[in-house]
Amino acid sequence: MTDQTDSSAEHGLQIGQLLRRAYAHAKKHSSAELAGIGDLTPVQASALLALARHSMSQAELGRWIDMEPANVHSFVRRLAAAGLASIEPDGNRRSRVVLTADGCRIAEKVREGARRSADTALARLDADERETLVRLLAKLLS
C-alpha cells in the first residue's frame, strides 16, 4: 500500500513539474509574439481573443480569463481607456464589453501571434497529439 501511495505522490509531483516546464516553454514563445504587437499583457491578450469571439458581460469575461471578480471592473476600464474595448448597455441595467475597431485589429494580430507561438511551442507534436493535448488540458480545467 505504501509503494502505491508513494508512486502516486511521485507521479503527481512529476505532472506538476512537467506542466510548469511546459507552461514556461509556451510562455517564452507567446511573450516574444506579444512583444511585437505592443504593450499588452498576456491577460489582456486573452481578453481580446475572448471578446473577438463575442461580446460578454464583465462577469463572463472575468470567468473566461480567470480573474478575481473584484479586479474585473478596473481591468475592463483599462481596456476601454486604451481604446481597445467599450462598455455598452445590454438592457435591464446590464452591460456588455465590446471590442472597438482598434481592439478588433489588435485581437487579430494577437490571434496570428498565438498561432505562430503555438506552432513553435508544439513543433514536436503532430496534429493528433496537439488535439489530444488541448482536449486533455481542457478536461483538467473543466
Protein backbone atom coordinates (compact mmCIF):
# COMPACT_ATOMS: atom_id res chain seq x y z
CA MET A 1 0.00 0.00 0.00
CA THR A 2 2.81 2.41 0.83
CA ASP A 3 4.54 1.77 -2.50
CA GLN A 4 1.37 2.67 -4.41
CA THR A 5 0.84 5.82 -2.30
CA ASP A 6 4.48 6.86 -2.77
CA SER A 7 4.22 6.17 -6.50
CA SER A 8 1.04 8.28 -6.80
CA ALA A 9 2.65 11.16 -4.92
CA GLU A 10 5.77 10.98 -7.09
CA HIS A 11 3.62 10.85 -10.22
CA GLY A 12 1.72 13.94 -9.04
CA LEU A 13 4.97 15.83 -8.48
CA GLN A 14 6.19 14.84 -11.93
CA ILE A 15 2.96 16.06 -13.54
CA GLY A 16 3.25 19.39 -11.73
CA GLN A 17 6.87 19.79 -12.79
CA LEU A 18 6.10 18.89 -16.40
CA LEU A 19 3.15 21.31 -16.51
CA ARG A 20 5.30 24.12 -15.07
CA ARG A 21 8.05 23.47 -17.60
CA ALA A 22 5.58 23.21 -20.49
CA TYR A 23 3.99 26.50 -19.36
CA ALA A 24 7.41 28.20 -19.23
CA HIS A 25 8.19 26.87 -22.71
CA ALA A 26 4.90 28.13 -24.13
CA LYS A 27 5.13 31.46 -22.29
CA LYS A 28 8.57 32.14 -23.74
CA HIS A 29 7.18 31.84 -27.26
CA SER A 30 3.97 33.77 -26.58
CA SER A 31 5.85 36.60 -24.83
CA ALA A 32 8.06 37.01 -27.87
CA GLU A 33 4.99 37.24 -30.11
CA LEU A 34 3.22 39.72 -27.80
CA ALA A 35 6.29 41.95 -27.71
CA GLY A 36 5.90 42.51 -31.43
CA ILE A 37 2.26 43.59 -31.07
CA GLY A 38 2.50 46.29 -28.46
CA ASP A 39 2.24 46.89 -24.76
CA LEU A 40 -0.17 44.03 -23.97
CA THR A 41 -0.07 41.70 -21.01
CA PRO A 42 -0.91 38.02 -21.54
CA VAL A 43 -4.19 38.56 -19.67
CA GLN A 44 -5.12 41.49 -21.91
CA ALA A 45 -4.30 39.38 -24.97
CA SER A 46 -6.55 36.59 -23.64
CA ALA A 47 -9.35 39.07 -23.04
CA LEU A 48 -9.07 40.46 -26.56
CA LEU A 49 -9.23 36.95 -28.03
CA ALA A 50 -12.29 36.14 -25.92
CA LEU A 51 -14.05 39.37 -26.86
CA ALA A 52 -13.21 38.85 -30.54
CA ARG A 53 -15.37 35.72 -30.40
CA HIS A 54 -18.31 37.62 -28.92
CA SER A 55 -19.12 40.44 -26.55
CA MET A 56 -19.82 39.43 -22.96
CA SER A 57 -20.59 40.80 -19.55
CA GLN A 58 -17.75 41.78 -17.25
CA ALA A 59 -18.53 38.75 -15.08
CA GLU A 60 -18.33 36.41 -18.08
CA LEU A 61 -15.06 37.98 -19.17
CA GLY A 62 -13.66 37.58 -15.66
CA ARG A 63 -14.52 33.89 -15.67
CA TRP A 64 -13.07 33.45 -19.17
CA ILE A 65 -9.69 34.97 -18.23
CA ASP A 66 -9.78 33.55 -14.69
CA MET A 67 -9.67 36.94 -12.96
CA GLU A 68 -10.98 37.68 -9.49
CA PRO A 69 -14.37 39.43 -9.73
CA ALA A 70 -13.10 42.36 -7.65
CA ASN A 71 -10.46 43.11 -10.31
CA VAL A 72 -12.52 42.77 -13.48
CA HIS A 73 -14.14 46.22 -13.41
CA SER A 74 -10.83 48.10 -13.29
CA PHE A 75 -9.33 45.71 -15.85
CA VAL A 76 -12.16 46.47 -18.29
CA ARG A 77 -11.82 50.21 -17.59
CA ARG A 78 -8.12 49.97 -18.55
CA LEU A 79 -9.04 48.20 -21.80
CA ALA A 80 -11.54 50.98 -22.50
CA ALA A 81 -9.03 53.71 -21.65
CA ALA A 82 -6.60 52.11 -24.11
CA GLY A 83 -9.29 52.31 -26.80
CA LEU A 84 -9.48 48.51 -27.15
CA ALA A 85 -12.96 47.92 -25.71
CA SER A 86 -16.09 49.76 -24.77
CA ILE A 87 -18.86 49.08 -22.29
CA GLU A 88 -22.29 49.16 -23.88
CA PRO A 89 -25.75 48.83 -22.32
CA ASP A 90 -27.40 45.45 -22.69
CA GLY A 91 -30.79 46.12 -21.11
CA ASN A 92 -32.05 45.57 -17.55
CA ARG A 93 -29.20 47.65 -16.09
CA ARG A 94 -26.68 45.24 -17.58
CA SER A 95 -23.77 46.00 -19.82
CA ARG A 96 -21.51 44.14 -22.21
CA VAL A 97 -17.86 44.54 -23.03
CA VAL A 98 -17.39 45.02 -26.76
CA LEU A 99 -14.19 45.37 -28.77
CA THR A 100 -13.63 48.63 -30.58
CA ALA A 101 -12.29 48.73 -34.15
CA ASP A 102 -8.76 49.10 -32.72
CA GLY A 103 -9.45 46.22 -30.33
CA CYS A 104 -10.53 44.02 -33.24
CA ARG A 105 -7.40 44.94 -35.19
CA ILE A 106 -5.14 44.15 -32.23
CA ALA A 107 -7.08 40.95 -31.44
CA GLU A 108 -6.40 39.71 -34.98
CA LYS A 109 -2.68 40.38 -34.51
CA VAL A 110 -2.83 38.54 -31.17
CA ARG A 111 -4.61 35.60 -32.85
CA GLU A 112 -1.94 35.41 -35.56
CA GLY A 113 0.83 35.66 -32.94
CA ALA A 114 -0.82 32.99 -30.79
CA ARG A 115 -0.99 30.70 -33.80
CA ARG A 116 2.72 31.21 -34.54
CA SER A 117 3.57 30.78 -30.86
CA ALA A 118 1.61 27.52 -30.61
CA ASP A 119 3.21 26.22 -33.80
CA THR A 120 6.66 26.89 -32.35
CA ALA A 121 5.93 25.66 -28.82
CA LEU A 122 4.22 22.49 -30.06
CA ALA A 123 6.50 21.81 -33.03
CA ARG A 124 7.45 18.36 -31.73
CA LEU A 125 3.80 17.21 -31.66
CA ASP A 126 1.84 16.05 -34.68
CA ALA A 127 -1.71 17.32 -35.30
CA ASP A 128 -3.37 14.44 -33.44
CA GLU A 129 -1.09 14.90 -30.43
CA ARG A 130 -1.82 18.63 -30.35
CA GLU A 131 -5.54 17.95 -30.42
CA THR A 132 -5.21 15.39 -27.64
CA LEU A 133 -3.14 17.76 -25.51
CA VAL A 134 -5.69 20.55 -25.83
CA ARG A 135 -8.58 18.18 -25.11
CA LEU A 136 -6.89 16.76 -22.01
CA LEU A 137 -5.90 20.18 -20.65
CA ALA A 138 -9.46 21.44 -21.17
CA LYS A 139 -10.78 18.37 -19.37
CA LEU A 140 -8.44 19.01 -16.42
CA LEU A 141 -9.76 22.57 -16.15
CA SER A 142 -13.46 21.76 -16.58
